[in-house]
């Protein structure tokens, strides 16, 4: 087995490189600093799904380069706090916020989502996360923390590209796991954990068969 690939330090540390920009454009059709499996069309749905407004306080778990959080803030007027464990990502995100004159409404902090979140109860109007929970140890604990920091009736929107609904070989799992920690889960597991965390209204959308 080859050594693990340091994808995120490379992607975020070299965010401004033309080669990375071209890869993002060719992959997603729009450069939002993406590294996830979420399509551009799915990303555009997040403001509607979270029901955020100009007065909303939004939390992003796994903010990466910060580019998407900045777009949400620019288009909706909301305030966003992005957290990520990757230092190059946080540095790049805060730089982009300053360059966009959005630093007063959007900020990024280093935080390990596998640990208790450093926020008070009912602090946010919505939480979203693009293909990040599959990298966080202790998903049940994280979901309980997200329930705690959300206001009553607020929404959590997240994607999970590692729900395994069929047969998969150990070679495939090993290849997909080269860049770090991964959690693979069966269908229904996220729903079970969400209910245990306290979430009542749960909606799941399977996009497996959707065109790329």
Protein backbone atom coordinates (compact mmCIF):
# COMPACT_ATOMS: atom_id res chain seq x y z
CA UNK A 1 0.00 0.00 0.00
CA UNK A 2 1.34 3.44 -0.89
CA UNK A 3 1.73 6.22 1.69
CA UNK A 4 -1.22 8.41 2.57
CA UNK A 5 -1.66 11.43 0.32
CA UNK A 6 -1.69 14.86 1.99
CA UNK A 7 -4.47 16.17 -0.24
CA UNK A 8 -5.87 18.93 1.96
CA UNK A 9 -2.60 20.66 2.89
CA UNK A 10 -1.72 20.70 -0.81
CA UNK A 11 -5.13 21.89 -1.98
CA UNK A 12 -5.53 24.65 0.61
CA UNK A 13 -1.88 25.65 0.82
CA UNK A 14 -1.76 26.07 -2.97
CA UNK A 15 -5.29 27.39 -3.36
CA UNK A 16 -4.25 30.27 -5.61
CA UNK A 17 -2.23 28.12 -8.02
CA UNK A 18 -3.60 28.14 -11.56
CA UNK A 19 -3.37 24.34 -11.84
CA UNK A 20 -5.67 23.88 -8.84
CA UNK A 21 -8.08 26.50 -10.15
CA UNK A 22 -8.31 24.72 -13.50
CA UNK A 23 -8.94 21.38 -11.78
CA UNK A 24 -11.80 22.87 -9.76
CA UNK A 25 -13.30 24.49 -12.86
CA UNK A 26 -13.10 21.30 -14.92
CA UNK A 27 -14.49 19.17 -12.08
CA UNK A 28 -17.30 21.38 -10.81
CA UNK A 29 -17.89 23.95 -13.56
CA UNK A 30 -17.39 26.75 -11.03
CA UNK A 31 -14.48 27.52 -8.73
CA UNK A 32 -15.68 27.55 -5.13
CA UNK A 33 -12.54 25.98 -3.71
CA UNK A 34 -14.25 22.59 -3.59
CA UNK A 35 -12.66 19.30 -2.59
CA UNK A 36 -15.86 17.31 -1.96
CA UNK A 37 -18.18 15.08 -3.98
CA UNK A 38 -20.96 17.68 -3.71
CA UNK A 39 -21.91 19.14 -7.08
CA UNK A 40 -22.20 22.87 -7.74
CA UNK A 41 -25.97 22.48 -8.14
CA UNK A 42 -26.24 20.75 -4.76
CA UNK A 43 -24.13 23.46 -3.12
CA UNK A 44 -26.46 26.15 -4.43
CA UNK A 45 -29.35 24.46 -2.64
CA UNK A 46 -27.83 24.88 0.83
CA UNK A 47 -29.17 28.42 1.54
CA UNK A 48 -32.68 27.28 0.66
CA UNK A 49 -32.43 24.02 2.59
CA UNK A 50 -31.09 25.74 5.71
CA UNK A 51 -33.67 28.56 5.40
CA UNK A 52 -31.09 31.21 6.22
CA UNK A 53 -31.77 34.93 5.89
CA UNK A 54 -29.71 38.10 6.19
CA UNK A 55 -30.06 37.93 9.99
CA UNK A 56 -28.97 34.29 10.30
CA UNK A 57 -25.90 33.00 12.13
CA UNK A 58 -24.59 30.05 10.10
CA UNK A 59 -22.01 27.46 11.17
CA UNK A 60 -20.04 25.43 8.63
CA UNK A 61 -18.30 22.27 9.81
CA UNK A 62 -15.22 21.64 7.66
CA UNK A 63 -14.96 25.00 5.91
CA UNK A 64 -11.90 24.04 3.85
CA UNK A 65 -10.70 26.90 1.66
CA UNK A 66 -13.58 29.09 2.86
CA UNK A 67 -14.75 30.00 -0.61
CA UNK A 68 -18.23 28.54 -0.38
CA UNK A 69 -18.99 30.12 3.01
CA UNK A 70 -17.99 33.47 1.55
CA UNK A 71 -20.33 33.02 -1.40
CA UNK A 72 -23.23 32.17 0.92
CA UNK A 73 -22.55 35.27 3.02
CA UNK A 74 -22.22 37.48 -0.05
CA UNK A 75 -25.47 36.27 -1.62
CA UNK A 76 -27.66 36.05 1.50
CA UNK A 77 -26.16 38.69 3.81
CA UNK A 78 -25.89 36.22 6.70
CA UNK A 79 -23.03 35.83 9.13
CA UNK A 80 -20.92 32.66 8.86
CA UNK A 81 -18.46 30.97 11.17
CA UNK A 82 -16.43 28.23 9.51
CA UNK A 83 -14.42 25.70 11.49
CA UNK A 84 -11.82 23.30 10.20
CA UNK A 85 -8.91 21.30 11.58
CA UNK A 86 -6.64 22.19 8.65
CA UNK A 87 -4.43 25.22 9.35
CA UNK A 88 -3.63 26.07 5.69
CA UNK A 89 -7.36 26.00 5.01
CA UNK A 90 -8.14 28.38 7.88
CA UNK A 91 -5.36 30.77 6.85
CA UNK A 92 -6.52 30.78 3.23
CA UNK A 93 -10.18 31.25 4.21
CA UNK A 94 -9.49 34.26 6.45
CA UNK A 95 -7.31 35.77 3.72
CA UNK A 96 -10.11 35.41 1.18
CA UNK A 97 -12.59 36.93 3.64
CA UNK A 98 -10.36 39.97 4.08
CA UNK A 99 -9.83 40.33 0.34
CA UNK A 100 -13.61 40.20 -0.23
CA UNK A 101 -14.24 42.78 2.52
CA UNK A 102 -16.36 40.21 4.35
CA UNK A 103 -14.20 39.69 7.43
CA UNK A 104 -16.74 41.45 9.65
CA UNK A 105 -19.42 38.90 8.75
CA UNK A 106 -17.40 35.77 7.94
CA UNK A 107 -14.62 34.32 10.02
CA UNK A 108 -12.83 31.00 10.20
CA UNK A 109 -11.38 29.25 13.24
CA UNK A 110 -9.38 26.09 13.81
CA UNK A 111 -11.46 23.56 15.70
CA UNK A 112 -11.51 19.78 15.92
CA UNK A 113 -15.11 18.67 15.30
CA UNK A 114 -14.43 15.35 17.03
CA UNK A 115 -14.13 17.30 20.31
CA UNK A 116 -16.84 19.32 22.11
CA UNK A 117 -17.63 22.43 20.08
CA UNK A 118 -16.51 25.71 21.74
CA UNK A 119 -19.91 27.38 21.36
CA UNK A 120 -22.83 28.00 23.67
CA UNK A 121 -26.23 26.38 23.40
CA UNK A 122 -28.64 27.61 20.70
CA UNK A 123 -25.93 29.78 19.12
CA UNK A 124 -26.72 29.17 15.43
CA UNK A 125 -29.69 29.40 13.08
CA UNK A 126 -28.34 26.65 10.82
CA UNK A 127 -25.40 24.29 10.32
CA UNK A 128 -24.14 22.81 7.07
CA UNK A 129 -21.30 20.51 6.13
CA UNK A 130 -20.21 19.22 2.71
CA UNK A 131 -18.78 15.66 2.86
CA UNK A 132 -17.00 16.27 6.17
CA UNK A 133 -18.79 14.15 8.76
CA UNK A 134 -17.35 11.03 7.10
CA UNK A 135 -13.90 12.24 8.24
CA UNK A 136 -14.82 12.93 11.88
CA UNK A 137 -14.37 10.23 14.56
CA UNK A 138 -17.34 9.89 16.89
CA UNK A 139 -20.23 10.92 14.63
CA UNK A 140 -22.85 10.37 17.34
CA UNK A 141 -21.04 12.78 19.65
CA UNK A 142 -20.71 15.40 16.90
CA UNK A 143 -24.40 15.21 15.99
CA UNK A 144 -25.31 15.69 19.65
CA UNK A 145 -23.06 18.74 19.76
CA UNK A 146 -24.65 20.16 16.62
CA UNK A 147 -28.09 19.67 18.13
CA UNK A 148 -26.91 21.52 21.23
CA UNK A 149 -25.56 24.58 19.38
CA UNK A 150 -28.58 24.89 17.06
CA UNK A 151 -31.53 27.06 17.98
CA UNK A 152 -34.88 25.27 18.40
CA UNK A 153 -36.36 24.57 14.98
CA UNK A 154 -33.06 25.30 13.19
CA UNK A 155 -31.79 23.07 10.42
CA UNK A 156 -28.73 20.88 9.92
CA UNK A 157 -27.82 20.04 6.31
CA UNK A 158 -24.97 17.69 5.51
CA UNK A 159 -23.87 15.31 2.77
CA UNK A 160 -22.28 11.91 3.20
CA UNK A 161 -20.64 10.31 0.18
CA UNK A 162 -19.63 7.15 2.06
CA UNK A 163 -22.95 5.42 2.64
CA UNK A 164 -22.25 1.89 1.41
CA UNK A 165 -25.40 0.35 -0.02
CA UNK A 166 -23.78 -2.54 -1.86
CA UNK A 167 -20.76 -4.79 -2.06
CA UNK A 168 -17.34 -3.14 -1.92
CA UNK A 169 -13.89 -4.73 -1.78
CA UNK A 170 -11.20 -4.02 0.75
CA UNK A 171 -9.04 -2.67 -2.09
CA UNK A 172 -11.67 -0.07 -2.94
CA UNK A 173 -11.98 0.98 0.68
CA UNK A 174 -8.21 1.23 1.00
CA UNK A 175 -7.93 3.32 -2.16
CA UNK A 176 -10.67 5.72 -1.03
CA UNK A 177 -9.05 6.07 2.40
CA UNK A 178 -5.58 7.12 1.27
CA UNK A 179 -6.03 10.79 2.20
CA UNK A 180 -6.96 10.31 5.85
CA UNK A 181 -9.60 9.10 8.30
CA UNK A 182 -12.86 7.81 6.77
CA UNK A 183 -16.11 6.44 8.15
CA UNK A 184 -18.14 4.16 5.88
CA UNK A 185 -21.71 3.55 7.01
CA UNK A 186 -24.74 1.49 5.94
CA UNK A 187 -28.04 3.02 4.78
CA UNK A 188 -30.13 4.24 7.71
CA UNK A 189 -27.23 4.76 10.11
CA UNK A 190 -27.18 8.55 9.77
CA UNK A 191 -30.92 8.66 10.38
CA UNK A 192 -30.57 6.52 13.51
CA UNK A 193 -27.81 8.73 14.91
CA UNK A 194 -29.73 11.91 14.11
CA UNK A 195 -32.78 10.65 16.00
CA UNK A 196 -30.63 9.67 18.97
CA UNK A 197 -29.10 13.17 18.97
CA UNK A 198 -32.54 14.72 19.24
CA UNK A 199 -33.40 15.66 15.65
CA UNK A 200 -37.07 14.98 14.91
CA UNK A 201 -37.76 15.85 11.27
CA UNK A 202 -35.25 14.01 9.09
CA UNK A 203 -35.18 14.13 5.29
CA UNK A 204 -32.79 12.03 3.21
CA UNK A 205 -32.06 12.44 -0.49
CA UNK A 206 -30.17 9.72 -2.34
CA UNK A 207 -28.29 11.31 -5.27
CA UNK A 208 -26.45 8.15 -6.31
CA UNK A 209 -28.22 7.86 -9.64
CA UNK A 210 -28.09 11.57 -10.46
CA UNK A 211 -25.92 12.58 -13.46
CA UNK A 212 -22.48 13.96 -12.62
